[in-house]
Amino acid sequence: MLLPDLDPDKPVLLAGPTASGKSSLAMEIAQKQGGVIVNADASQIYDCWRVVTARPSKADEEALPHHLYGHVTYDAQYSAGHWLREVKPLLTGPNRPIIVGGTGLYFSTLTEGLAEIPPTPNEIRTLGDSLTLDTLLDQLDPQTAERIDVNNRARVQRAWEVLQATGRSLADWQDDTPAPVLPIEDCNALVMHSPKEWLEPRIRQRFDLMIEQGALEEAESMRDRYDPTLPSCKAIGVPELMGYICGDLTLEAAREQAAIATRRYAKRQRSWFRSRMKHWEVVNSDDL
């Protein structure tokens, strides 16, 4: 594998869409140039999903140091703010961090700063859970709606909750954002470019590989705790596998729906990277 030209004294940021090969590249960088691998994927933080979210294998974790993978319980509240607080100590450790993932919001909080928004009261979150996406959007201010992915319910509800809880829009809070923890000029910032025609076959193969590796058994173990309103249970592939286990879907239908959901998610990721990571160094997935 031809590695990018990296400054060995700077942390590495490696963003990419799902199934783009970013985890393998991170492992390669760590093996050849040194460093510890740090998760920046919102689905891979949960302890209940290893196979379904394509977390690093136990063998990978034994071969190289990995941090912030599978360390959060399935029903815990966790946000970009939680992640930022946990990643800060890793930036000054003895080994440079190689921060890899597909959650653009994590990278932006790290390199652009994060507004100190007060926690959302449970009663407001519960009310938000009961509202439709259209209702949430109707109550948002135009400035915030222009800045977020309005097709991503979690992002829309978060913005709605901030407005309800604080009386200030998310856009207003963002405009008061403090200086970033890790300015982009202080790191090697890489973003994977994964052409649609290259990525889509990998997305389909990924579901079959998950089944082979035990995804059904993993989902079965979560059947009694499954709650579709929890962020952990919204991970791509989880609702589809649960649909099959509960008898609502055939395995082929689950496979097709998971592939569609993954493609849509990858499209949103690529759109985010194009708009927010314009100055990052591009690494072509199909060249690796």
C-alpha atoms as a PDB file:
ATOM      1  CA  MET A   1       0.000   0.000   0.000  1.00  0.00           C
ATOM      2  CA  LEU A   2       1.356   3.425  -0.979  1.00  0.00           C
ATOM      3  CA  LEU A   3       1.055   5.614   2.102  1.00  0.00           C
ATOM      4  CA  PRO A   4       0.486   9.380   1.952  1.00  0.00           C
ATOM      5  CA  ASP A   5       3.466  11.620   2.737  1.00  0.00           C
ATOM      6  CA  LEU A   6       2.917  12.423   6.418  1.00  0.00           C
ATOM      7  CA  ASP A   7       4.689  14.589   8.983  1.00  0.00           C
ATOM      8  CA  PRO A   8       5.666  12.042  11.684  1.00  0.00           C
ATOM      9  CA  ASP A   9       5.467  14.678  14.407  1.00  0.00           C
ATOM     10  CA  LYS A  10       1.832  15.562  13.799  1.00  0.00           C
ATOM     11  CA  PRO A  11      -1.384  13.679  14.624  1.00  0.00           C
ATOM     12  CA  VAL A  12      -3.202  12.026  11.720  1.00  0.00           C
ATOM     13  CA  LEU A  13      -6.870  12.630  10.945  1.00  0.00           C
ATOM     14  CA  LEU A  14      -8.367  10.111   8.529  1.00  0.00           C
ATOM     15  CA  ALA A  15     -11.979  10.613   7.481  1.00  0.00           C
ATOM     16  CA  GLY A  16     -13.884   8.546   4.962  1.00  0.00           C
ATOM     17  CA  PRO A  17     -17.287   7.102   4.104  1.00  0.00           C
ATOM     18  CA  THR A  18     -18.397   3.710   5.300  1.00  0.00           C
ATOM     19  CA  ALA A  19     -16.701   0.759   3.556  1.00  0.00           C
ATOM     20  CA  SER A  20     -13.987   3.017   2.080  1.00  0.00           C
ATOM     21  CA  GLY A  21     -11.043   1.130   3.601  1.00  0.00           C
ATOM     22  CA  LYS A  22     -10.075   3.843   6.080  1.00  0.00           C
ATOM     23  CA  SER A  23      -9.581   1.439   9.003  1.00  0.00           C
ATOM     24  CA  SER A  24      -7.142  -0.660   6.986  1.00  0.00           C
ATOM     25  CA  LEU A  25      -5.230   2.472   5.983  1.00  0.00           C
ATOM     26  CA  ALA A  26      -5.079   3.609   9.609  1.00  0.00           C
ATOM     27  CA  MET A  27      -3.648   0.223  10.605  1.00  0.00           C
ATOM     28  CA  GLU A  28      -1.064   0.485   7.835  1.00  0.00           C
ATOM     29  CA  ILE A  29       0.005   3.961   8.940  1.00  0.00           C
ATOM     30  CA  ALA A  30       0.323   2.820  12.553  1.00  0.00           C
ATOM     31  CA  GLN A  31       2.324  -0.277  11.632  1.00  0.00           C
ATOM     32  CA  LYS A  32       4.769   1.536   9.349  1.00  0.00           C
ATOM     33  CA  GLN A  33       5.008   4.978  10.926  1.00  0.00           C
ATOM     34  CA  GLY A  34       3.882   4.476  14.518  1.00  0.00           C
ATOM     35  CA  GLY A  35       0.930   5.769  16.477  1.00  0.00           C
ATOM     36  CA  VAL A  36      -2.216   4.694  18.309  1.00  0.00           C
ATOM     37  CA  ILE A  37      -5.571   4.368  16.568  1.00  0.00           C
ATOM     38  CA  VAL A  38      -8.456   6.454  17.921  1.00  0.00           C
ATOM     39  CA  ASN A  39     -12.081   6.003  16.929  1.00  0.00           C
ATOM     40  CA  ALA A  40     -14.057   8.857  15.359  1.00  0.00           C
ATOM     41  CA  ASP A  41     -17.139   6.855  14.377  1.00  0.00           C
ATOM     42  CA  ALA A  42     -20.321   7.431  16.386  1.00  0.00           C
ATOM     43  CA  SER A  43     -21.592   3.875  15.875  1.00  0.00           C
ATOM     44  CA  GLN A  44     -18.377   2.147  16.887  1.00  0.00           C
ATOM     45  CA  ILE A  45     -18.330   3.614  20.397  1.00  0.00           C
ATOM     46  CA  TYR A  46     -20.999   1.159  21.612  1.00  0.00           C
ATOM     47  CA  ASP A  47     -20.070  -2.079  23.348  1.00  0.00           C
ATOM     48  CA  CYS A  48     -22.951  -4.048  21.828  1.00  0.00           C
ATOM     49  CA  TRP A  49     -21.910  -3.869  18.164  1.00  0.00           C
ATOM     50  CA  ARG A  50     -18.594  -5.091  16.864  1.00  0.00           C
ATOM     51  CA  VAL A  51     -19.554  -6.987  13.715  1.00  0.00           C
ATOM     52  CA  VAL A  52     -22.502  -4.835  12.636  1.00  0.00           C
ATOM     53  CA  THR A  53     -20.540  -1.568  12.828  1.00  0.00           C
ATOM     54  CA  ALA A  54     -17.313  -3.088  11.437  1.00  0.00           C
ATOM     55  CA  ARG A  55     -15.341  -2.223  14.546  1.00  0.00           C
ATOM     56  CA  PRO A  56     -11.711  -3.406  14.499  1.00  0.00           C
ATOM     57  CA  SER A  57     -11.421  -7.102  15.261  1.00  0.00           C
ATOM     58  CA  LYS A  58     -10.052  -8.416  18.535  1.00  0.00           C
ATOM     59  CA  ALA A  59      -6.926  -9.445  16.624  1.00  0.00           C
ATOM     60  CA  ASP A  60      -6.452  -5.886  15.352  1.00  0.00           C
ATOM     61  CA  GLU A  61      -6.926  -4.483  18.840  1.00  0.00           C
ATOM     62  CA  GLU A  62      -4.342  -6.912  20.204  1.00  0.00           C
ATOM     63  CA  ALA A  63      -1.876  -6.064  17.435  1.00  0.00           C
ATOM     64  CA  LEU A  64      -2.014  -2.281  17.882  1.00  0.00           C
ATOM     65  CA  PRO A  65      -3.344   0.099  20.552  1.00  0.00           C
ATOM     66  CA  HIS A  66      -6.937   1.204  19.877  1.00  0.00           C
ATOM     67  CA  HIS A  67      -8.896   3.795  21.874  1.00  0.00           C
ATOM     68  CA  LEU A  68     -12.582   4.811  22.189  1.00  0.00           C
ATOM     69  CA  TYR A  69     -13.954   1.657  20.563  1.00  0.00           C
ATOM     70  CA  GLY A  70     -16.822  -0.243  22.202  1.00  0.00           C
ATOM     71  CA  HIS A  71     -16.466   1.600  25.501  1.00  0.00           C
ATOM     72  CA  VAL A  72     -20.012   2.992  25.842  1.00  0.00           C
ATOM     73  CA  THR A  73     -23.075   0.994  26.928  1.00  0.00           C
ATOM     74  CA  TYR A  74     -25.900   0.637  24.418  1.00  0.00           C
ATOM     75  CA  ASP A  75     -28.300   2.947  26.297  1.00  0.00           C
ATOM     76  CA  ALA A  76     -25.857   5.668  27.379  1.00  0.00           C
ATOM     77  CA  GLN A  77     -26.233   9.269  26.252  1.00  0.00           C
ATOM     78  CA  TYR A  78     -23.188  10.203  24.187  1.00  0.00           C
ATOM     79  CA  SER A  79     -22.467  13.245  22.045  1.00  0.00           C
ATOM     80  CA  ALA A  80     -19.700  14.937  20.107  1.00  0.00           C
ATOM     81  CA  GLY A  81     -18.954  16.822  23.319  1.00  0.00           C
ATOM     82  CA  HIS A  82     -18.411  13.563  25.201  1.00  0.00           C
ATOM     83  CA  TRP A  83     -16.108  12.359  22.431  1.00  0.00           C
ATOM     84  CA  LEU A  84     -14.108  15.586  22.407  1.00  0.00           C
ATOM     85  CA  ARG A  85     -13.523  15.403  26.153  1.00  0.00           C
ATOM     86  CA  GLU A  86     -12.340  11.805  25.852  1.00  0.00           C
ATOM     87  CA  VAL A  87     -10.045  12.436  22.896  1.00  0.00           C
ATOM     88  CA  LYS A  88      -8.237  15.435  24.439  1.00  0.00           C
ATOM     89  CA  PRO A  89      -5.901  13.386  26.705  1.00  0.00           C
ATOM     90  CA  LEU A  90      -4.941  11.199  23.750  1.00  0.00           C
ATOM     91  CA  LEU A  91      -3.598  14.205  21.847  1.00  0.00           C
ATOM     92  CA  THR A  92      -0.777  14.713  24.329  1.00  0.00           C
ATOM     93  CA  GLY A  93       0.146  11.090  25.001  1.00  0.00           C
ATOM     94  CA  PRO A  94       3.535   9.526  24.215  1.00  0.00           C
ATOM     95  CA  ASN A  95       2.305   8.189  20.847  1.00  0.00           C
ATOM     96  CA  ARG A  96       0.755  10.305  18.135  1.00  0.00           C
ATOM     97  CA  PRO A  97      -2.942   9.601  17.573  1.00  0.00           C
ATOM     98  CA  ILE A  98      -4.285   8.359  14.259  1.00  0.00           C
ATOM     99  CA  ILE A  99      -7.916   9.448  14.500  1.00  0.00           C
ATOM    100  CA  VAL A 100     -10.060   7.523  12.026  1.00  0.00           C
ATOM    101  CA  GLY A 101     -13.778   7.426  11.338  1.00  0.00           C
ATOM    102  CA  GLY A 102     -16.726   8.552   9.313  1.00  0.00           C
ATOM    103  CA  THR A 103     -18.489  10.919  11.711  1.00  0.00           C
ATOM    104  CA  GLY A 104     -17.790  14.336  10.264  1.00  0.00           C
ATOM    105  CA  LEU A 105     -19.191  16.101  13.317  1.00  0.00           C
ATOM    106  CA  TYR A 106     -16.484  14.581  15.515  1.00  0.00           C
ATOM    107  CA  PHE A 107     -13.750  15.905  13.238  1.00  0.00           C
ATOM    108  CA  SER A 108     -15.310  19.355  13.042  1.00  0.00           C
ATOM    109  CA  THR A 109     -15.612  19.651  16.832  1.00  0.00           C
ATOM    110  CA  LEU A 110     -11.939  18.730  17.086  1.00  0.00           C
ATOM    111  CA  THR A 111     -10.585  21.055  14.396  1.00  0.00           C
ATOM    112  CA  GLU A 112     -13.157  23.869  14.405  1.00  0.00           C
ATOM    113  CA  GLY A 113     -14.207  24.012  18.060  1.00  0.00           C
ATOM    114  CA  LEU A 114     -17.354  23.084  19.973  1.00  0.00           C
ATOM    115  CA  ALA A 115     -19.917  25.394  21.519  1.00  0.00           C
ATOM    116  CA  GLU A 116     -20.492  24.798  25.251  1.00  0.00           C
ATOM    117  CA  ILE A 117     -24.218  24.064  25.027  1.00  0.00           C
ATOM    118  CA  PRO A 118     -25.959  23.081  28.304  1.00  0.00           C
ATOM    119  CA  PRO A 119     -27.310  19.500  28.559  1.00  0.00           C
ATOM    120  CA  THR A 120     -30.825  18.874  27.264  1.00  0.00           C
ATOM    121  CA  PRO A 121     -33.430  18.083  29.967  1.00  0.00           C
ATOM    122  CA  ASN A 122     -34.917  14.603  29.655  1.00  0.00           C
ATOM    123  CA  GLU A 123     -38.457  15.895  29.252  1.00  0.00           C
ATOM    124  CA  ILE A 124     -37.477  17.940  26.187  1.00  0.00           C
ATOM    125  CA  ARG A 125     -35.652  14.981  24.646  1.00  0.00           C
ATOM    126  CA  THR A 126     -38.676  12.748  25.272  1.00  0.00           C
ATOM    127  CA  LEU A 127     -40.961  15.276  23.608  1.00  0.00           C
ATOM    128  CA  GLY A 128     -38.590  15.505  20.660  1.00  0.00           C
ATOM    129  CA  ASP A 129     -38.623  11.721  20.289  1.00  0.00           C
ATOM    130  CA  SER A 130     -42.404  11.846  19.868  1.00  0.00           C
ATOM    131  CA  LEU A 131     -42.410  14.438  17.077  1.00  0.00           C
ATOM    132  CA  THR A 132     -42.084  13.812  13.364  1.00  0.00           C
ATOM    133  CA  LEU A 133     -39.102  15.055  11.375  1.00  0.00           C
ATOM    134  CA  ASP A 134     -41.305  17.571   9.553  1.00  0.00           C
ATOM    135  CA  THR A 135     -42.627  18.961  12.842  1.00  0.00           C
ATOM    136  CA  LEU A 136     -39.115  19.367  14.209  1.00  0.00           C
ATOM    137  CA  LEU A 137     -38.003  21.106  11.016  1.00  0.00           C
ATOM    138  CA  ASP A 138     -40.991  23.458  11.056  1.00  0.00           C
ATOM    139  CA  GLN A 139     -39.921  24.712  14.480  1.00  0.00           C
ATOM    140  CA  LEU A 140     -36.275  25.311  13.580  1.00  0.00           C
ATOM    141  CA  ASP A 141     -34.876  28.726  12.751  1.00  0.00           C
ATOM    142  CA  PRO A 142     -33.775  29.240   9.114  1.00  0.00           C
ATOM    143  CA  GLN A 143     -30.112  29.879  10.003  1.00  0.00           C
ATOM    144  CA  THR A 144     -29.732  26.517  11.737  1.00  0.00           C
ATOM    145  CA  ALA A 145     -31.688  24.669   9.040  1.00  0.00           C
ATOM    146  CA  GLU A 146     -29.235  25.958   6.436  1.00  0.00           C
ATOM    147  CA  ARG A 147     -26.259  24.536   8.348  1.00  0.00           C
ATOM    148  CA  ILE A 148     -27.378  21.001   9.157  1.00  0.00           C
ATOM    149  CA  ASP A 149     -28.332  17.892   7.201  1.00  0.00           C
ATOM    150  CA  VAL A 150     -32.123  18.234   7.297  1.00  0.00           C
ATOM    151  CA  ASN A 151     -32.519  14.585   6.264  1.00  0.00           C
ATOM    152  CA  ASN A 152     -30.637  13.401   9.344  1.00  0.00           C
ATOM    153  CA  ARG A 153     -33.231  13.134  12.097  1.00  0.00           C
ATOM    154  CA  ALA A 154     -30.654  12.980  14.900  1.00  0.00           C
ATOM    155  CA  ARG A 155     -29.077  16.260  13.769  1.00  0.00           C
ATOM    156  CA  VAL A 156     -32.469  17.949  13.313  1.00  0.00           C
ATOM    157  CA  GLN A 157     -33.736  16.805  16.711  1.00  0.00           C
ATOM    158  CA  ARG A 158     -30.517  17.919  18.386  1.00  0.00           C
ATOM    159  CA  ALA A 159     -30.931  21.401  16.896  1.00  0.00           C
ATOM    160  CA  TRP A 160     -34.586  21.476  17.986  1.00  0.00           C
ATOM    161  CA  GLU A 161     -33.652  20.395  21.525  1.00  0.00           C
ATOM    162  CA  VAL A 162     -31.033  23.141  21.818  1.00  0.00           C
ATOM    163  CA  LEU A 163     -33.553  25.780  20.781  1.00  0.00           C
ATOM    164  CA  GLN A 164     -36.205  24.471  23.171  1.00  0.00           C
ATOM    165  CA  ALA A 165     -33.832  24.036  26.124  1.00  0.00           C
ATOM    166  CA  THR A 166     -31.817  27.248  25.860  1.00  0.00           C
ATOM    167  CA  GLY A 167     -33.960  29.687  23.932  1.00  0.00           C
ATOM    168  CA  ARG A 168     -31.026  30.184  21.557  1.00  0.00           C
ATOM    169  CA  SER A 169     -30.627  28.598  18.152  1.00  0.00           C
ATOM    170  CA  LEU A 170     -27.883  26.073  17.437  1.00  0.00           C
ATOM    171  CA  ALA A 171     -26.519  28.501  14.827  1.00  0.00           C
ATOM    172  CA  ASP A 172     -26.249  31.190  17.505  1.00  0.00           C
ATOM    173  CA  TRP A 173     -24.369  28.827  19.839  1.00  0.00           C
ATOM    174  CA  GLN A 174     -22.066  27.789  17.003  1.00  0.00           C
ATOM    175  CA  ASP A 175     -21.217  31.412  16.265  1.00  0.00           C
ATOM    176  CA  ASP A 176     -19.886  31.664  19.836  1.00  0.00           C
ATOM    177  CA  THR A 177     -17.688  28.598  19.452  1.00  0.00           C
ATOM    178  CA  PRO A 178     -14.314  28.733  21.279  1.00  0.00           C
ATOM    179  CA  ALA A 179     -10.955  27.990  19.639  1.00  0.00           C
ATOM    180  CA  PRO A 180     -10.442  24.400  18.434  1.00  0.00           C
ATOM    181  CA  VAL A 181      -8.552  21.789  20.445  1.00  0.00           C
ATOM    182  CA  LEU A 182      -6.564  20.715  17.382  1.00  0.00           C
ATOM    183  CA  PRO A 183      -6.286  23.308  14.577  1.00  0.00           C
ATOM    184  CA  ILE A 184      -6.193  21.734  11.152  1.00  0.00           C
ATOM    185  CA  GLU A 185      -2.726  23.133  10.416  1.00  0.00           C
ATOM    186  CA  ASP A 186      -1.340  21.159  13.367  1.00  0.00           C
ATOM    187  CA  CYS A 187      -2.178  17.733  11.935  1.00  0.00           C
ATOM    188  CA  ASN A 188      -2.031  15.520   8.861  1.00  0.00           C
ATOM    189  CA  ALA A 189      -5.621  15.788   7.621  1.00  0.00           C
ATOM    190  CA  LEU A 190      -6.632  13.094   5.109  1.00  0.00           C
ATOM    191  CA  VAL A 191     -10.035  12.415   3.591  1.00  0.00           C
ATOM    192  CA  MET A 192     -10.853   9.313   1.551  1.00  0.00           C
ATOM    193  CA  HIS A 193     -12.323   9.815  -1.900  1.00  0.00           C
ATOM    194  CA  SER A 194     -14.415   6.762  -2.740  1.00  0.00           C
ATOM    195  CA  PRO A 195     -16.106   6.825  -6.160  1.00  0.00           C
ATOM    196  CA  LYS A 196     -19.714   5.646  -6.101  1.00  0.00           C
ATOM    197  CA  GLU A 197     -19.095   2.900  -8.669  1.00  0.00           C
ATOM    198  CA  TRP A 198     -16.195   1.580  -6.552  1.00  0.00           C
ATOM    199  CA  LEU A 199     -17.984   1.848  -3.214  1.00  0.00           C
ATOM    200  CA  GLU A 200     -21.374   0.304  -3.996  1.00  0.00           C
ATOM    201  CA  PRO A 201     -20.159  -3.282  -4.649  1.00  0.00           C
ATOM    202  CA  ARG A 202     -18.201  -3.127  -1.385  1.00  0.00           C
ATOM    203  CA  ILE A 203     -21.324  -2.016   0.472  1.00  0.00           C
ATOM    204  CA  ARG A 204     -23.256  -5.059  -0.766  1.00  0.00           C
ATOM    205  CA  GLN A 205     -20.397  -7.427   0.004  1.00  0.00           C
ATOM    206  CA  ARG A 206     -20.126  -5.944   3.471  1.00  0.00           C
ATOM    207  CA  PHE A 207     -23.555  -7.179   4.577  1.00  0.00           C
ATOM    208  CA  ASP A 208     -22.793 -10.734   3.478  1.00  0.00           C
ATOM    209  CA  LEU A 209     -19.459 -10.588   5.275  1.00  0.00           C
ATOM    210  CA  MET A 210     -21.187  -9.366   8.436  1.00  0.00           C
ATOM    211  CA  ILE A 211     -23.521 -12.356   8.337  1.00  0.00           C
ATOM    212  CA  GLU A 212     -20.553 -14.710   7.951  1.00  0.00           C
ATOM    213  CA  GLN A 213     -18.789 -13.082  10.899  1.00  0.00           C
ATOM    214  CA  GLY A 214     -21.739 -13.387  13.292  1.00  0.00           C
ATOM    215  CA  ALA A 215     -23.948 -10.325  12.822  1.00  0.00           C
ATOM    216  CA  LEU A 216     -27.136 -12.338  13.309  1.00  0.00           C
ATOM    217  CA  GLU A 217     -25.876 -13.755  16.589  1.00  0.00           C
ATOM    218  CA  GLU A 218     -24.852 -10.276  17.689  1.00  0.00           C
ATOM    219  CA  ALA A 219     -28.309  -8.905  16.896  1.00  0.00           C
ATOM    220  CA  GLU A 220     -30.016 -11.851  18.600  1.00  0.00           C
ATOM    221  CA  SER A 221     -28.092 -11.117  21.791  1.00  0.00           C
ATOM    222  CA  MET A 222     -29.560  -7.591  21.733  1.00  0.00           C
ATOM    223  CA  ARG A 223     -33.139  -8.598  20.913  1.00  0.00           C
ATOM    224  CA  ASP A 224     -34.529  -8.000  24.423  1.00  0.00           C
ATOM    225  CA  ARG A 225     -32.709  -4.669  24.779  1.00  0.00           C
ATOM    226  CA  TYR A 226     -33.408  -3.356  21.294  1.00  0.00           C
ATOM    227  CA  ASP A 227     -34.965   0.127  21.311  1.00  0.00           C
ATOM    228  CA  PRO A 228     -35.275   1.816  17.905  1.00  0.00           C
ATOM    229  CA  THR A 229     -35.193   5.276  19.525  1.00  0.00           C
ATOM    230  CA  LEU A 230     -31.689   4.763  20.942  1.00  0.00           C
ATOM    231  CA  PRO A 231     -28.765   6.051  18.847  1.00  0.00           C
ATOM    232  CA  SER A 232     -26.959   2.720  19.310  1.00  0.00           C
ATOM    233  CA  CYS A 233     -29.890   0.875  17.735  1.00  0.00           C
ATOM    234  CA  LYS A 234     -29.997   3.189  14.716  1.00  0.00           C
ATOM    235  CA  ALA A 235     -26.616   1.989  13.450  1.00  0.00           C
ATOM    236  CA  ILE A 236     -26.767   0.962   9.790  1.00  0.00           C
ATOM    237  CA  GLY A 237     -27.790  -2.688   9.554  1.00  0.00           C
ATOM    238  CA  VAL A 238     -29.257  -2.980  13.047  1.00  0.00           C
ATOM    239  CA  PRO A 239     -32.939  -2.225  12.215  1.00  0.00           C
ATOM    240  CA  GLU A 240     -32.712  -4.494   9.174  1.00  0.00           C
ATOM    241  CA  LEU A 241     -31.214  -7.412  11.095  1.00  0.00           C
ATOM    242  CA  MET A 242     -33.770  -6.985  13.856  1.00  0.00           C
ATOM    243  CA  GLY A 243     -36.490  -7.009  11.215  1.00  0.00           C
ATOM    244  CA  TYR A 244     -35.239 -10.394  10.025  1.00  0.00           C
ATOM    245  CA  ILE A 245     -34.830 -11.827  13.527  1.00  0.00           C
ATOM    246  CA  CYS A 246     -38.350 -10.736  14.500  1.00  0.00           C
ATOM    247  CA  GLY A 247     -39.848 -12.264  11.358  1.00  0.00           C
ATOM    248  CA  ASP A 248     -40.788  -9.004   9.664  1.00  0.00           C
ATOM    249  CA  LEU A 249     -38.256  -9.295   6.822  1.00  0.00           C
ATOM    250  CA  THR A 250     -36.677 -12.054   4.821  1.00  0.00           C
ATOM    251  CA  LEU A 251     -32.904 -12.151   4.943  1.00  0.00           C
ATOM    252  CA  GLU A 252     -32.747 -10.998   1.320  1.00  0.00           C
ATOM    253  CA  ALA A 253     -35.063  -8.074   2.072  1.00  0.00           C
ATOM    254  CA  ALA A 254     -32.933  -7.165   5.086  1.00  0.00           C
ATOM    255  CA  ARG A 255     -29.845  -7.322   2.883  1.00  0.00           C
ATOM    256  CA  GLU A 256     -31.406  -5.017   0.278  1.00  0.00           C
ATOM    257  CA  GLN A 257     -32.700  -2.503   2.813  1.00  0.00           C
ATOM    258  CA  ALA A 258     -29.346  -2.423   4.599  1.00  0.00           C
ATOM    259  CA  ALA A 259     -27.570  -1.807   1.295  1.00  0.00           C
ATOM    260  CA  ILE A 260     -29.921   1.079   0.480  1.00  0.00           C
ATOM    261  CA  ALA A 261     -29.494   2.607   3.947  1.00  0.00           C
ATOM    262  CA  THR A 262     -25.706   2.283   3.707  1.00  0.00           C
ATOM    263  CA  ARG A 263     -25.584   3.910   0.270  1.00  0.00           C
ATOM    264  CA  ARG A 264     -27.665   6.827   1.507  1.00  0.00           C
ATOM    265  CA  TYR A 265     -25.463   7.221   4.554  1.00  0.00           C
ATOM    266  CA  ALA A 266     -22.289   7.115   2.449  1.00  0.00           C
ATOM    267  CA  LYS A 267     -23.778   9.777   0.166  1.00  0.00           C
ATOM    268  CA  ARG A 268     -24.412  12.048   3.166  1.00  0.00           C
ATOM    269  CA  GLN A 269     -20.872  11.429   4.384  1.00  0.00           C
ATOM    270  CA  ARG A 270     -19.358  12.318   1.009  1.00  0.00           C
ATOM    271  CA  SER A 271     -21.449  15.499   0.874  1.00  0.00           C
ATOM    272  CA  TRP A 272     -20.214  16.508   4.335  1.00  0.00           C
ATOM    273  CA  PHE A 273     -16.589  15.824   3.431  1.00  0.00           C
ATOM    274  CA  ARG A 274     -16.851  17.844   0.226  1.00  0.00           C
ATOM    275  CA  SER A 275     -18.352  20.842   1.995  1.00  0.00           C
ATOM    276  CA  ARG A 276     -16.398  20.784   5.271  1.00  0.00           C
ATOM    277  CA  MET A 277     -13.047  19.209   4.345  1.00  0.00           C
ATOM    278  CA  LYS A 278     -12.154  21.099   1.182  1.00  0.00           C
ATOM    279  CA  HIS A 279      -8.586  21.725   2.329  1.00  0.00           C
ATOM    280  CA  TRP A 280      -7.839  18.198   3.537  1.00  0.00           C
ATOM    281  CA  GLU A 281      -5.489  16.006   1.519  1.00  0.00           C
ATOM    282  CA  VAL A 282      -7.477  13.589  -0.651  1.00  0.00           C
ATOM    283  CA  VAL A 283      -6.620   9.888  -0.648  1.00  0.00           C
ATOM    284  CA  ASN A 284      -8.225   7.822  -3.413  1.00  0.00           C
ATOM    285  CA  SER A 285      -9.676   4.586  -2.046  1.00  0.00           C
ATOM    286  CA  ASP A 286      -9.326   2.793  -5.359  1.00  0.00           C
ATOM    287  CA  ASP A 287      -5.582   3.559  -5.438  1.00  0.00           C
ATOM    288  CA  LEU A 288      -4.892   1.722  -2.175  1.00  0.00           C
END
